[in-house]
């Protein structure tokens, strides 16, 4: 990321933007679905 020394605005470089687009395009082919256990809690009486 690059930040402008005059206004402080931040920018990604073209190379970084291309890599982000590549990752976005390929995300479904490299993603792995995993099951995650979820705890359930009951609300205490009077809460």
PDB file of N, CA and C in Angstrom:
ATOM      1  N   UNK A   1       0.854  -1.158   0.000  1.00  0.00           N
ATOM      2  CA  UNK A   1       0.000   0.000   0.000  1.00  0.00           C
ATOM      3  C   UNK A   1       0.906   1.229   0.000  1.00  0.00           C
ATOM      4  N   UNK A   2       0.468   2.212  -0.703  1.00  0.00           N
ATOM      5  CA  UNK A   2       1.208   3.464  -0.812  1.00  0.00           C
ATOM      6  C   UNK A   2       0.354   4.582  -0.244  1.00  0.00           C
ATOM      7  N   UNK A   3       0.948   5.457   0.521  1.00  0.00           N
ATOM      8  CA  UNK A   3       0.229   6.611   1.066  1.00  0.00           C
ATOM      9  C   UNK A   3       0.814   7.888   0.497  1.00  0.00           C
ATOM     10  N   UNK A   4      -0.044   8.782   0.051  1.00  0.00           N
ATOM     11  CA  UNK A   4       0.378  10.065  -0.508  1.00  0.00           C
ATOM     12  C   UNK A   4       0.961  10.925   0.615  1.00  0.00           C
ATOM     13  N   UNK A   5       2.166  11.427   0.417  1.00  0.00           N
ATOM     14  CA  UNK A   5       2.780  12.255   1.464  1.00  0.00           C
ATOM     15  C   UNK A   5       2.101  13.617   1.627  1.00  0.00           C
ATOM     16  N   UNK A   6       1.291  14.022   0.648  1.00  0.00           N
ATOM     17  CA  UNK A   6       0.652  15.329   0.710  1.00  0.00           C
ATOM     18  C   UNK A   6      -0.726  15.277   1.379  1.00  0.00           C
ATOM     19  N   UNK A   7      -1.551  14.291   0.972  1.00  0.00           N
ATOM     20  CA  UNK A   7      -2.919  14.258   1.498  1.00  0.00           C
ATOM     21  C   UNK A   7      -3.178  13.087   2.445  1.00  0.00           C
ATOM     22  N   UNK A   8      -2.260  12.101   2.475  1.00  0.00           N
ATOM     23  CA  UNK A   8      -2.423  10.961   3.365  1.00  0.00           C
ATOM     24  C   UNK A   8      -3.304   9.860   2.805  1.00  0.00           C
ATOM     25  N   UNK A   9      -3.861  10.066   1.593  1.00  0.00           N
ATOM     26  CA  UNK A   9      -4.708   9.049   0.958  1.00  0.00           C
ATOM     27  C   UNK A   9      -3.869   7.801   0.696  1.00  0.00           C
ATOM     28  N   UNK A  10      -4.445   6.627   0.940  1.00  0.00           N
ATOM     29  CA  UNK A  10      -3.736   5.366   0.734  1.00  0.00           C
ATOM     30  C   UNK A  10      -4.213   4.685  -0.536  1.00  0.00           C
ATOM     31  N   UNK A  11      -3.277   4.076  -1.224  1.00  0.00           N
ATOM     32  CA  UNK A  11      -3.565   3.399  -2.477  1.00  0.00           C
ATOM     33  C   UNK A  11      -2.845   2.063  -2.518  1.00  0.00           C
ATOM     34  N   UNK A  12      -3.443   1.095  -3.224  1.00  0.00           N
ATOM     35  CA  UNK A  12      -2.746  -0.142  -3.535  1.00  0.00           C
ATOM     36  C   UNK A  12      -1.997   0.053  -4.841  1.00  0.00           C
ATOM     37  N   UNK A  13      -0.858  -0.600  -4.977  1.00  0.00           N
ATOM     38  CA  UNK A  13      -0.125  -0.544  -6.238  1.00  0.00           C
ATOM     39  C   UNK A  13      -0.870  -1.374  -7.274  1.00  0.00           C
ATOM     40  N   UNK A  14      -0.573  -1.148  -8.542  1.00  0.00           N
ATOM     41  CA  UNK A  14      -1.199  -1.917  -9.619  1.00  0.00           C
ATOM     42  C   UNK A  14      -0.907  -3.407  -9.446  1.00  0.00           C
ATOM     43  N   UNK A  15       0.309  -3.727  -9.057  1.00  0.00           N
ATOM     44  CA  UNK A  15       0.682  -5.130  -8.853  1.00  0.00           C
ATOM     45  C   UNK A  15      -0.173  -5.758  -7.754  1.00  0.00           C
ATOM     46  N   UNK A  16      -0.388  -5.050  -6.665  1.00  0.00           N
ATOM     47  CA  UNK A  16      -1.219  -5.549  -5.571  1.00  0.00           C
ATOM     48  C   UNK A  16      -2.661  -5.720  -6.025  1.00  0.00           C
ATOM     49  N   UNK A  17      -3.187  -4.758  -6.782  1.00  0.00           N
ATOM     50  CA  UNK A  17      -4.559  -4.862  -7.279  1.00  0.00           C
ATOM     51  C   UNK A  17      -4.724  -6.071  -8.198  1.00  0.00           C
ATOM     52  N   UNK A  18      -3.742  -6.313  -9.063  1.00  0.00           N
ATOM     53  CA  UNK A  18      -3.803  -7.482  -9.943  1.00  0.00           C
ATOM     54  C   UNK A  18      -3.806  -8.773  -9.128  1.00  0.00           C
ATOM     55  N   UNK A  19      -2.997  -8.831  -8.081  1.00  0.00           N
ATOM     56  CA  UNK A  19      -2.942 -10.031  -7.236  1.00  0.00           C
ATOM     57  C   UNK A  19      -4.249 -10.224  -6.482  1.00  0.00           C
ATOM     58  N   UNK A  20      -4.846  -9.142  -5.977  1.00  0.00           N
ATOM     59  CA  UNK A  20      -6.140  -9.250  -5.297  1.00  0.00           C
ATOM     60  C   UNK A  20      -7.221  -9.747  -6.258  1.00  0.00           C
ATOM     61  N   UNK A  21      -7.217  -9.255  -7.485  1.00  0.00           N
ATOM     62  CA  UNK A  21      -8.184  -9.718  -8.484  1.00  0.00           C
ATOM     63  C   UNK A  21      -7.969 -11.191  -8.807  1.00  0.00           C
ATOM     64  N   UNK A  22      -6.695 -11.613  -8.890  1.00  0.00           N
ATOM     65  CA  UNK A  22      -6.390 -13.025  -9.168  1.00  0.00           C
ATOM     66  C   UNK A  22      -6.907 -13.904  -8.027  1.00  0.00           C
ATOM     67  N   UNK A  23      -6.679 -13.500  -6.797  1.00  0.00           N
ATOM     68  CA  UNK A  23      -7.151 -14.256  -5.638  1.00  0.00           C
ATOM     69  C   UNK A  23      -8.674 -14.315  -5.643  1.00  0.00           C
ATOM     70  N   UNK A  24      -9.320 -13.195  -5.922  1.00  0.00           N
ATOM     71  CA  UNK A  24     -10.783 -13.142  -5.961  1.00  0.00           C
ATOM     72  C   UNK A  24     -11.335 -14.090  -7.026  1.00  0.00           C
ATOM     73  N   UNK A  25     -10.692 -14.127  -8.180  1.00  0.00           N
ATOM     74  CA  UNK A  25     -11.133 -14.999  -9.267  1.00  0.00           C
ATOM     75  C   UNK A  25     -10.968 -16.473  -8.911  1.00  0.00           C
ATOM     76  N   UNK A  26      -9.883 -16.804  -8.208  1.00  0.00           N
ATOM     77  CA  UNK A  26      -9.570 -18.205  -7.910  1.00  0.00           C
ATOM     78  C   UNK A  26     -10.081 -18.670  -6.553  1.00  0.00           C
ATOM     79  N   UNK A  27     -10.747 -17.802  -5.791  1.00  0.00           N
ATOM     80  CA  UNK A  27     -11.090 -18.135  -4.406  1.00  0.00           C
ATOM     81  C   UNK A  27     -11.909 -19.403  -4.266  1.00  0.00           C
ATOM     82  N   UNK A  28     -12.827 -19.663  -5.192  1.00  0.00           N
ATOM     83  CA  UNK A  28     -13.654 -20.859  -5.070  1.00  0.00           C
ATOM     84  C   UNK A  28     -12.874 -22.124  -5.361  1.00  0.00           C
ATOM     85  N   UNK A  29     -11.853 -22.038  -6.202  1.00  0.00           N
ATOM     86  CA  UNK A  29     -11.078 -23.230  -6.538  1.00  0.00           C
ATOM     87  C   UNK A  29     -10.048 -23.572  -5.462  1.00  0.00           C
ATOM     88  N   UNK A  30      -9.673 -22.621  -4.631  1.00  0.00           N
ATOM     89  CA  UNK A  30      -8.672 -22.895  -3.602  1.00  0.00           C
ATOM     90  C   UNK A  30      -9.270 -22.949  -2.197  1.00  0.00           C
ATOM     91  N   UNK A  31     -10.522 -22.560  -2.050  1.00  0.00           N
ATOM     92  CA  UNK A  31     -11.163 -22.560  -0.731  1.00  0.00           C
ATOM     93  C   UNK A  31     -11.491 -23.992  -0.296  1.00  0.00           C
ATOM     94  N   UNK A  32     -11.400 -24.221   0.989  1.00  0.00           N
ATOM     95  CA  UNK A  32     -11.740 -25.514   1.572  1.00  0.00           C
ATOM     96  C   UNK A  32     -12.843 -25.278   2.593  1.00  0.00           C
ATOM     97  N   UNK A  33     -13.968 -25.954   2.422  1.00  0.00           N
ATOM     98  CA  UNK A  33     -15.075 -25.810   3.360  1.00  0.00           C
ATOM     99  C   UNK A  33     -14.801 -26.679   4.586  1.00  0.00           C
ATOM    100  N   UNK A  34     -14.959 -26.093   5.754  1.00  0.00           N
ATOM    101  CA  UNK A  34     -14.735 -26.820   7.006  1.00  0.00           C
ATOM    102  C   UNK A  34     -15.926 -26.621   7.919  1.00  0.00           C
ATOM    103  N   UNK A  35     -16.304 -27.680   8.622  1.00  0.00           N
ATOM    104  CA  UNK A  35     -17.367 -27.588   9.621  1.00  0.00           C
ATOM    105  C   UNK A  35     -16.781 -27.033  10.912  1.00  0.00           C
ATOM    106  N   UNK A  36     -17.568 -26.225  11.585  1.00  0.00           N
ATOM    107  CA  UNK A  36     -17.123 -25.612  12.837  1.00  0.00           C
ATOM    108  C   UNK A  36     -18.194 -25.853  13.887  1.00  0.00           C
ATOM    109  N   UNK A  37     -17.771 -26.336  15.044  1.00  0.00           N
ATOM    110  CA  UNK A  37     -18.714 -26.541  16.141  1.00  0.00           C
ATOM    111  C   UNK A  37     -19.107 -25.190  16.728  1.00  0.00           C
ATOM    112  N   UNK A  38     -20.375 -25.067  17.052  1.00  0.00           N
ATOM    113  CA  UNK A  38     -20.876 -23.824  17.629  1.00  0.00           C
ATOM    114  C   UNK A  38     -21.559 -24.148  18.948  1.00  0.00           C
ATOM    115  N   UNK A  39     -21.146 -23.446  20.002  1.00  0.00           N
ATOM    116  CA  UNK A  39     -21.745 -23.663  21.319  1.00  0.00           C
ATOM    117  C   UNK A  39     -23.028 -22.846  21.422  1.00  0.00           C
ATOM    118  N   UNK A  40     -24.019 -23.418  22.072  1.00  0.00           N
ATOM    119  CA  UNK A  40     -25.266 -22.703  22.316  1.00  0.00           C
ATOM    120  C   UNK A  40     -25.387 -22.440  23.815  1.00  0.00           C
ATOM    121  N   UNK A  41     -25.766 -21.232  24.145  1.00  0.00           N
ATOM    122  CA  UNK A  41     -25.929 -20.857  25.551  1.00  0.00           C
ATOM    123  C   UNK A  41     -27.371 -20.440  25.778  1.00  0.00           C
ATOM    124  N   UNK A  42     -27.847 -20.752  26.984  1.00  0.00           N
ATOM    125  CA  UNK A  42     -29.184 -20.302  27.352  1.00  0.00           C
ATOM    126  C   UNK A  42     -29.037 -19.063  28.232  1.00  0.00           C
ATOM    127  N   UNK A  43     -29.960 -18.165  28.052  1.00  0.00           N
ATOM    128  CA  UNK A  43     -29.957 -16.956  28.857  1.00  0.00           C
ATOM    129  C   UNK A  43     -30.374 -17.289  30.279  1.00  0.00           C
ATOM    130  N   UNK A  44     -29.676 -16.726  31.252  1.00  0.00           N
ATOM    131  CA  UNK A  44     -29.997 -16.980  32.657  1.00  0.00           C
ATOM    132  C   UNK A  44     -31.346 -16.338  32.994  1.00  0.00           C
ATOM    133  N   UNK A  45     -32.072 -16.945  33.910  1.00  0.00           N
ATOM    134  CA  UNK A  45     -33.377 -16.413  34.333  1.00  0.00           C
ATOM    135  C   UNK A  45     -33.190 -15.000  34.877  1.00  0.00           C
ATOM    136  N   UNK A  46     -34.051 -14.083  34.431  1.00  0.00           N
ATOM    137  CA  UNK A  46     -34.001 -12.716  34.902  1.00  0.00           C
ATOM    138  C   UNK A  46     -33.009 -11.853  34.148  1.00  0.00           C
ATOM    139  N   UNK A  47     -32.321 -12.435  33.174  1.00  0.00           N
ATOM    140  CA  UNK A  47     -31.317 -11.641  32.428  1.00  0.00           C
ATOM    141  C   UNK A  47     -31.940 -10.971  31.224  1.00  0.00           C
TER     142      UNK A  47
END
